[in-house]
Amino acid sequence: MARTLTFRINHAEYQAVPTKIERKKLYGWTETLALDDHDNECKMVSTDESGIVIIPKGGTGLGILSPDGKWINRSQLQAVKEDGEPAEMMPSSFNISIELERKVSFEEYMDHNITAFYQMDEADAALIEAIGDDIYTFTYNYRDSYDGSPAFLLTADDPGKGKKLFLLIGTLIRFELLRLEESGVIEEVEEETDADDSGEIDFSMF
C-alpha cells in the first residue's frame, strides 16, 4: 500500500502520494554481463587477506566495535549532539502533518544535490494552486531518525495536463572557496646575456 504525505498550508490540510521516478525509467539502462570461456555467467565473490579463502555473496557484514575491541549491539548506541547532549528522535514525515511555512529562492534550491525525485500523485488542485510558482522546503524523514534531509516541494507544467506537483530530496552542497589575501606578482626572470657578445673571438685569450 502506497504511503501518504500530509501537508498543511494556509490553514488547510492536503494529502499526496509520492511516487519515485527512477532515472533508468526515463533514460533506460545497460548491464554488463561477465562470462567465462564456456559462456557461463560469472559471479562476484570476496576473498580474505590471503586471497585463498573465497567468501560468497552475503558472507560478509558490518559490525560495531568498542575502543577495546568488544562487539556492540546497535541498541546500545545513543545519538548525541555536538555538545554531548542526547539527540532528539524526529518522527517519520509519513506520520505527521508537514507544515509548509518556509519558501526558498531558486539559488538556495540550486545549492543542493538532489538525490531522490518524486511525483506527487493524487495531489489536490488546491494544494498545487497554493504552492504556485514558489519553492517550499521542509525536513524529510522516511522513517523515525535523528537527522533529516532537505526536501523541496514545487510545481512544474505538464503540457496539456496543467501543473504537476513534485517532491525533491537532496543534500546541501558546502562550497569551500579559497582566495589569496593579496594578488601575487610573478616576476619574469631575464636571461643573462654576455655584455660583449659580438660574436668575435679574441685569440689573445688562448
Protein backbone atom coordinates (compact mmCIF):
# COMPACT_ATOMS: atom_id res chain seq x y z
CA MET A 1 0.00 0.00 0.00
CA ALA A 2 1.35 3.43 -1.00
CA ARG A 3 2.30 5.72 1.85
CA THR A 4 0.76 9.18 2.02
CA LEU A 5 2.25 12.54 2.98
CA THR A 6 0.06 15.15 4.61
CA PHE A 7 0.80 18.86 4.03
CA ARG A 8 -0.62 21.84 5.83
CA ILE A 9 -0.70 25.24 4.13
CA ASN A 10 -2.96 28.26 4.53
CA HIS A 11 -4.75 26.54 7.46
CA ALA A 12 -5.82 23.62 5.25
CA GLU A 13 -4.55 20.04 5.02
CA TYR A 14 -3.90 18.10 1.83
CA GLN A 15 -2.63 14.61 1.11
CA ALA A 16 -0.49 13.29 -1.74
CA VAL A 17 1.23 10.01 -2.58
CA PRO A 18 4.92 10.23 -3.56
CA THR A 19 5.87 8.01 -6.50
CA LYS A 20 9.60 7.75 -7.07
CA ILE A 21 10.82 8.49 -10.57
CA GLU A 22 13.84 6.35 -11.38
CA ARG A 23 16.46 7.69 -13.76
CA LYS A 24 16.59 4.36 -15.59
CA LYS A 25 12.86 4.59 -16.33
CA LEU A 26 13.47 7.91 -18.09
CA TYR A 27 16.71 7.17 -19.92
CA GLY A 28 16.94 3.37 -19.88
CA TRP A 29 19.95 1.43 -18.68
CA THR A 30 22.61 -1.04 -19.71
CA GLU A 31 24.04 -4.03 -17.93
CA THR A 32 27.47 -5.60 -18.25
CA LEU A 33 27.39 -9.39 -18.19
CA ALA A 34 30.66 -11.19 -17.44
CA LEU A 35 31.01 -14.68 -18.92
CA ASP A 36 33.72 -17.30 -18.65
CA ASP A 37 35.23 -19.26 -21.53
CA HIS A 38 32.21 -21.59 -21.57
CA ASP A 39 29.64 -18.72 -21.63
CA ASN A 40 28.67 -19.30 -18.01
CA GLU A 41 27.77 -16.19 -16.03
CA CYS A 42 30.47 -15.09 -13.60
CA LYS A 43 29.54 -14.20 -10.05
CA MET A 44 31.38 -11.76 -7.85
CA VAL A 45 32.85 -13.08 -4.60
CA SER A 46 35.22 -11.75 -1.96
CA THR A 47 38.42 -13.23 -0.59
CA ASP A 48 40.23 -12.93 2.69
CA GLU A 49 43.50 -11.05 3.07
CA SER A 50 45.49 -14.06 1.87
CA GLY A 51 43.44 -14.36 -1.32
CA ILE A 52 42.99 -18.08 -0.73
CA VAL A 53 39.66 -18.30 1.11
CA ILE A 54 36.67 -17.45 -1.12
CA ILE A 55 33.77 -15.66 0.59
CA PRO A 56 30.46 -15.90 -1.36
CA LYS A 57 27.90 -13.11 -1.58
CA GLY A 58 26.29 -12.50 1.83
CA GLY A 59 29.27 -13.90 3.69
CA THR A 60 30.46 -10.51 4.96
CA GLY A 61 28.82 -7.86 7.08
CA LEU A 62 29.44 -4.72 9.10
CA GLY A 63 29.82 -4.65 12.86
CA ILE A 64 30.40 -2.06 15.55
CA LEU A 65 33.27 -2.43 17.99
CA SER A 66 34.08 -0.53 21.17
CA PRO A 67 37.50 1.13 21.58
CA ASP A 68 38.71 -2.00 23.40
CA GLY A 69 37.56 -4.27 20.53
CA LYS A 70 34.34 -5.63 22.04
CA TRP A 71 31.20 -6.20 19.94
CA ILE A 72 28.44 -3.61 20.46
CA ASN A 73 24.77 -4.01 19.55
CA ARG A 74 23.09 -1.11 17.79
CA SER A 75 20.56 -0.87 20.64
CA GLN A 76 23.41 0.08 22.98
CA LEU A 77 24.31 3.18 20.96
CA GLN A 78 22.93 6.61 21.74
CA ALA A 79 22.94 9.57 19.38
CA VAL A 80 24.22 12.86 20.84
CA LYS A 81 24.59 16.42 19.63
CA GLU A 82 27.89 18.24 19.18
CA ASP A 83 27.68 19.48 22.76
CA GLY A 84 27.25 15.93 24.08
CA GLU A 85 23.54 16.28 24.89
CA PRO A 86 21.20 13.46 23.78
CA ALA A 87 19.79 14.00 20.28
CA GLU A 88 16.03 14.13 19.80
CA MET A 89 14.38 11.49 17.62
CA MET A 90 12.48 13.06 14.72
CA PRO A 91 9.27 11.35 13.57
CA SER A 92 8.77 9.99 10.08
CA SER A 93 7.31 12.52 7.63
CA PHE A 94 4.57 9.97 6.88
CA ASN A 95 3.35 10.07 10.48
CA ILE A 96 2.93 13.82 10.92
CA SER A 97 1.30 16.80 9.25
CA ILE A 98 4.04 18.74 7.42
CA GLU A 99 3.69 22.48 7.89
CA LEU A 100 4.68 24.33 4.71
CA GLU A 101 5.96 27.64 6.04
CA ARG A 102 9.38 28.35 4.59
CA LYS A 103 9.99 29.34 0.99
CA VAL A 104 13.42 29.32 -0.64
CA SER A 105 14.85 31.11 -3.62
CA PHE A 106 15.87 29.26 -6.75
CA GLU A 107 19.52 29.99 -5.89
CA GLU A 108 19.18 28.34 -2.46
CA TYR A 109 17.45 25.35 -4.03
CA MET A 110 20.31 25.00 -6.55
CA ASP A 111 22.81 24.82 -3.66
CA HIS A 112 21.58 21.25 -3.05
CA ASN A 113 22.49 17.98 -4.70
CA ILE A 114 19.19 16.25 -5.48
CA THR A 115 19.34 12.53 -4.70
CA ALA A 116 15.66 11.49 -4.97
CA PHE A 117 12.85 12.71 -7.22
CA TYR A 118 9.13 12.02 -6.64
CA GLN A 119 5.95 12.86 -8.48
CA MET A 120 3.13 13.61 -6.04
CA ASP A 121 0.15 11.59 -7.22
CA GLU A 122 -3.41 12.35 -6.14
CA ALA A 123 -2.36 15.88 -5.16
CA ASP A 124 -5.34 18.17 -4.66
CA ALA A 125 -5.62 21.02 -7.17
CA ALA A 126 -5.96 23.45 -4.25
CA LEU A 127 -2.55 22.35 -2.92
CA ILE A 128 -0.93 22.86 -6.32
CA GLU A 129 -2.54 26.29 -6.58
CA ALA A 130 -1.40 27.24 -3.05
CA ILE A 131 2.20 26.41 -3.88
CA GLY A 132 2.04 28.14 -7.24
CA ASP A 133 5.46 29.15 -8.57
CA ASP A 134 7.09 29.12 -5.13
CA ILE A 135 9.52 26.52 -3.77
CA TYR A 136 8.72 25.29 -0.26
CA THR A 137 11.21 23.41 1.88
CA PHE A 138 10.94 21.17 4.92
CA THR A 139 12.92 18.42 6.66
CA TYR A 140 12.11 14.98 5.30
CA ASN A 141 12.43 11.70 7.22
CA TYR A 142 11.48 8.43 5.57
CA ARG A 143 11.45 6.77 9.00
CA ASP A 144 11.96 7.93 12.58
CA SER A 145 15.54 9.19 12.73
CA TYR A 146 17.84 11.73 14.33
CA ASP A 147 18.81 13.53 11.15
CA GLY A 148 16.51 14.50 8.27
CA SER A 149 17.17 15.57 4.70
CA PRO A 150 16.31 18.87 3.00
CA ALA A 151 13.19 18.43 0.86
CA PHE A 152 11.63 20.76 -1.70
CA LEU A 153 8.05 20.91 -2.91
CA LEU A 154 7.44 22.65 -6.23
CA THR A 155 5.26 22.55 -9.31
CA ALA A 156 6.08 22.17 -13.00
CA ASP A 157 4.00 22.44 -16.15
CA ASP A 158 2.89 19.22 -17.80
CA PRO A 159 1.98 20.14 -21.42
CA GLY A 160 -1.71 19.59 -21.98
CA LYS A 161 -2.34 18.48 -18.39
CA GLY A 162 -1.68 21.61 -16.33
CA LYS A 163 0.67 21.77 -13.37
CA LYS A 164 2.06 18.75 -11.54
CA LEU A 165 3.46 18.62 -8.01
CA PHE A 166 6.94 17.23 -7.34
CA LEU A 167 8.98 16.42 -4.26
CA LEU A 168 12.77 16.58 -4.45
CA ILE A 169 15.10 15.41 -1.69
CA GLY A 170 18.81 16.16 -1.50
CA THR A 171 21.81 17.26 0.48
CA LEU A 172 23.33 20.68 0.94
CA ILE A 173 26.48 21.27 -1.09
CA ARG A 174 29.04 23.04 1.07
CA PHE A 175 31.20 25.15 -1.22
CA GLU A 176 34.72 25.77 0.04
CA LEU A 177 36.16 28.83 -1.65
CA LEU A 178 39.82 29.81 -1.44
CA ARG A 179 41.39 33.14 -2.31
CA LEU A 180 44.70 34.91 -1.91
CA GLU A 181 44.82 37.75 0.59
CA GLU A 182 46.95 39.73 -1.86
CA SER A 183 47.42 39.27 -5.53
CA GLY A 184 50.77 37.74 -6.28
CA VAL A 185 53.05 39.03 -8.98
CA ILE A 186 55.23 36.68 -10.98
CA GLU A 187 58.39 38.44 -11.95
CA GLU A 188 59.83 37.43 -15.26
CA VAL A 189 63.46 36.45 -14.97
CA GLU A 190 65.51 37.89 -17.78
CA GLU A 191 68.02 35.58 -19.34
CA GLU A 192 71.59 36.57 -18.62
CA THR A 193 73.48 37.60 -21.70
CA ASP A 194 77.14 38.33 -22.18
CA ALA A 195 77.67 42.07 -22.32
CA ASP A 196 80.31 41.67 -25.02
CA ASP A 197 78.57 39.14 -27.20
CA SER A 198 79.65 40.47 -30.54
CA GLY A 199 80.35 37.08 -31.99
CA GLU A 200 84.08 37.86 -32.49
CA ILE A 201 86.74 35.63 -30.93
CA ASP A 202 89.65 37.23 -29.08
CA PHE A 203 92.63 34.96 -29.82
CA SER A 204 94.71 36.72 -27.14
CA MET A 205 92.71 34.78 -24.52
CA PHE A 206 94.28 31.49 -25.60
